[in-house]
Protein backbone atom coordinates (compact mmCIF):
# COMPACT_ATOMS: atom_id res chain seq x y z
CA GLN A 1 21.21 -3.60 12.96
CA VAL A 2 20.92 -1.77 9.66
CA GLN A 3 23.20 1.00 8.49
CA LEU A 4 22.96 3.27 5.45
CA VAL A 5 26.21 4.98 4.58
CA GLU A 6 26.39 7.70 1.96
CA SER A 7 29.45 8.85 0.07
CA GLY A 8 30.37 11.11 -2.80
CA GLY A 9 29.17 14.54 -1.76
CA GLY A 10 31.29 17.63 -2.15
CA LEU A 11 31.76 20.96 -3.84
CA VAL A 12 31.06 21.30 -7.55
CA GLN A 13 30.77 24.23 -9.91
CA PRO A 14 27.46 25.13 -11.56
CA GLY A 15 26.91 22.95 -14.60
CA GLY A 16 29.07 20.21 -13.16
CA SER A 17 28.29 16.63 -12.23
CA LEU A 18 28.46 14.55 -9.09
CA ILE A 19 27.54 11.02 -8.05
CA VAL A 20 26.45 10.14 -4.54
CA SER A 21 26.05 6.57 -3.40
CA CYS A 22 24.39 4.80 -0.51
CA ALA A 23 25.33 1.37 0.79
CA ALA A 24 23.06 -0.55 3.12
CA SER A 25 24.50 -3.15 5.45
CA GLY A 26 23.48 -5.25 8.41
CA SER A 27 20.78 -7.79 9.05
CA ILE A 28 18.92 -7.14 5.81
CA PHE A 29 16.31 -9.60 4.58
CA SER A 30 14.85 -7.47 1.83
CA ILE A 31 14.96 -3.91 0.51
CA ASN A 32 11.89 -2.41 -1.08
CA ALA A 33 12.01 1.12 -2.41
CA MET A 34 15.21 3.14 -2.34
CA GLY A 35 15.41 6.88 -2.59
CA TRP A 36 17.20 10.15 -2.16
CA TYR A 37 15.96 13.19 -0.27
CA ARG A 38 17.55 16.56 0.27
CA GLN A 39 17.26 19.38 2.75
CA ALA A 40 18.48 22.87 2.12
CA PRO A 41 18.99 25.38 4.96
CA GLY A 42 15.68 26.70 6.17
CA LYS A 43 13.67 24.32 4.02
CA GLN A 44 11.84 21.07 4.56
CA ARG A 45 13.31 17.78 3.47
CA GLU A 46 12.05 16.87 0.01
CA LEU A 47 12.03 13.78 -2.15
CA VAL A 48 14.52 14.01 -5.00
CA ALA A 49 14.27 10.58 -6.61
CA ALA A 50 13.08 7.08 -5.83
CA ILE A 51 13.39 3.66 -7.45
CA ALA A 52 11.06 0.74 -6.91
CA PRO A 53 12.06 -2.93 -6.78
CA GLY A 54 10.94 -3.40 -10.38
CA GLY A 55 13.10 -0.51 -11.51
CA SER A 56 10.48 2.16 -12.03
CA THR A 57 11.62 5.60 -11.00
CA ASN A 58 10.16 8.94 -10.08
CA TYR A 59 11.79 12.32 -9.74
CA ALA A 60 11.04 15.73 -8.34
CA ASP A 61 10.10 18.10 -11.14
CA SER A 62 13.08 20.29 -10.31
CA VAL A 63 15.58 17.53 -11.16
CA LYS A 64 13.87 15.70 -14.03
CA GLY A 65 16.20 15.33 -16.97
CA ARG A 66 19.24 16.16 -14.86
CA PHE A 67 19.37 13.51 -12.13
CA THR A 68 19.32 9.74 -12.50
CA ILE A 69 18.75 7.21 -9.74
CA SER A 70 19.98 3.65 -10.12
CA ARG A 71 20.48 0.61 -7.94
CA ASP A 72 22.71 -2.43 -7.64
CA SER A 73 20.51 -4.84 -5.75
CA ALA A 74 23.25 -7.44 -5.39
CA LYS A 75 25.33 -4.91 -3.44
CA ASN A 76 22.42 -3.25 -1.60
CA THR A 77 23.68 0.00 -3.05
CA TRP A 78 22.01 2.80 -4.94
CA TYR A 79 23.25 5.90 -6.64
CA LEU A 80 22.20 9.37 -7.65
CA LYS A 81 23.92 10.78 -10.70
CA MET A 82 23.53 14.55 -10.79
CA ASN A 83 24.24 16.47 -13.97
CA SER A 84 23.91 20.14 -14.87
CA LEU A 85 24.00 21.06 -11.22
CA LYS A 86 22.62 24.41 -10.13
CA PRO A 87 23.26 26.46 -7.00
CA GLU A 88 19.71 25.67 -5.89
CA ASP A 89 20.66 21.98 -5.74
CA THR A 90 22.86 22.80 -2.74
CA ALA A 91 21.63 20.76 0.20
CA VAL A 92 22.34 17.85 2.47
CA TYR A 93 21.38 14.71 0.57
CA TYR A 94 19.97 11.77 2.52
CA CYS A 95 19.45 8.26 1.27
CA ASN A 96 16.40 6.34 2.38
CA ALA A 97 15.15 2.79 2.03
CA ARG A 98 12.33 0.61 3.20
CA ILE A 99 14.02 -2.45 4.66
CA ARG A 100 12.86 -5.64 6.24
CA THR A 101 15.37 -7.26 8.58
CA TYR A 102 15.71 -10.93 9.46
CA THR A 103 14.07 -10.24 12.83
CA THR A 104 10.93 -8.49 11.60
CA SER A 105 7.98 -9.33 9.35
CA TYR A 106 7.47 -5.77 8.11
CA PHE A 107 9.34 -3.01 6.30
CA SER A 108 10.66 0.05 8.11
CA ASP A 109 12.21 3.29 6.91
CA TYR A 110 15.95 3.74 7.34
CA TRP A 111 18.01 6.85 6.70
CA GLY A 112 21.62 7.65 5.99
CA GLN A 113 23.53 10.29 7.90
CA GLY A 114 23.48 12.76 5.02
CA THR A 115 26.13 14.08 2.68
CA GLN A 116 26.64 17.72 1.78
CA VAL A 117 26.41 18.76 -1.85
CA THR A 118 27.41 22.34 -2.55
CA VAL A 119 27.08 23.90 -5.99
CA SER A 120 29.03 27.10 -6.17
CA SER A 121 31.60 28.89 -8.29
């Protein structure tokens, strides 16, 4: 009933920039927090950035000052702008949101399918 679809991943050189986006669709009553996670080969999935309904944000220490999360609530879409990319940023990036549907009275976690970001020369 709810789908999260990511777009914008790809290959970028070190020092470059990339924007990934996530669009939520379906029977959505309300979206609470939105976020981005990533998982590199052989590593656990980790939180990269999150944005609360009021607009407050938090970031992993490794991306502070380089990545920016933003949201367009009217479009149920959120973005991750990544600057000064490093090879260690290479990972599959997943969007995540806590969503309440029209058929439930509680929020549940939903995930996108993931988009590959590769930083390499």
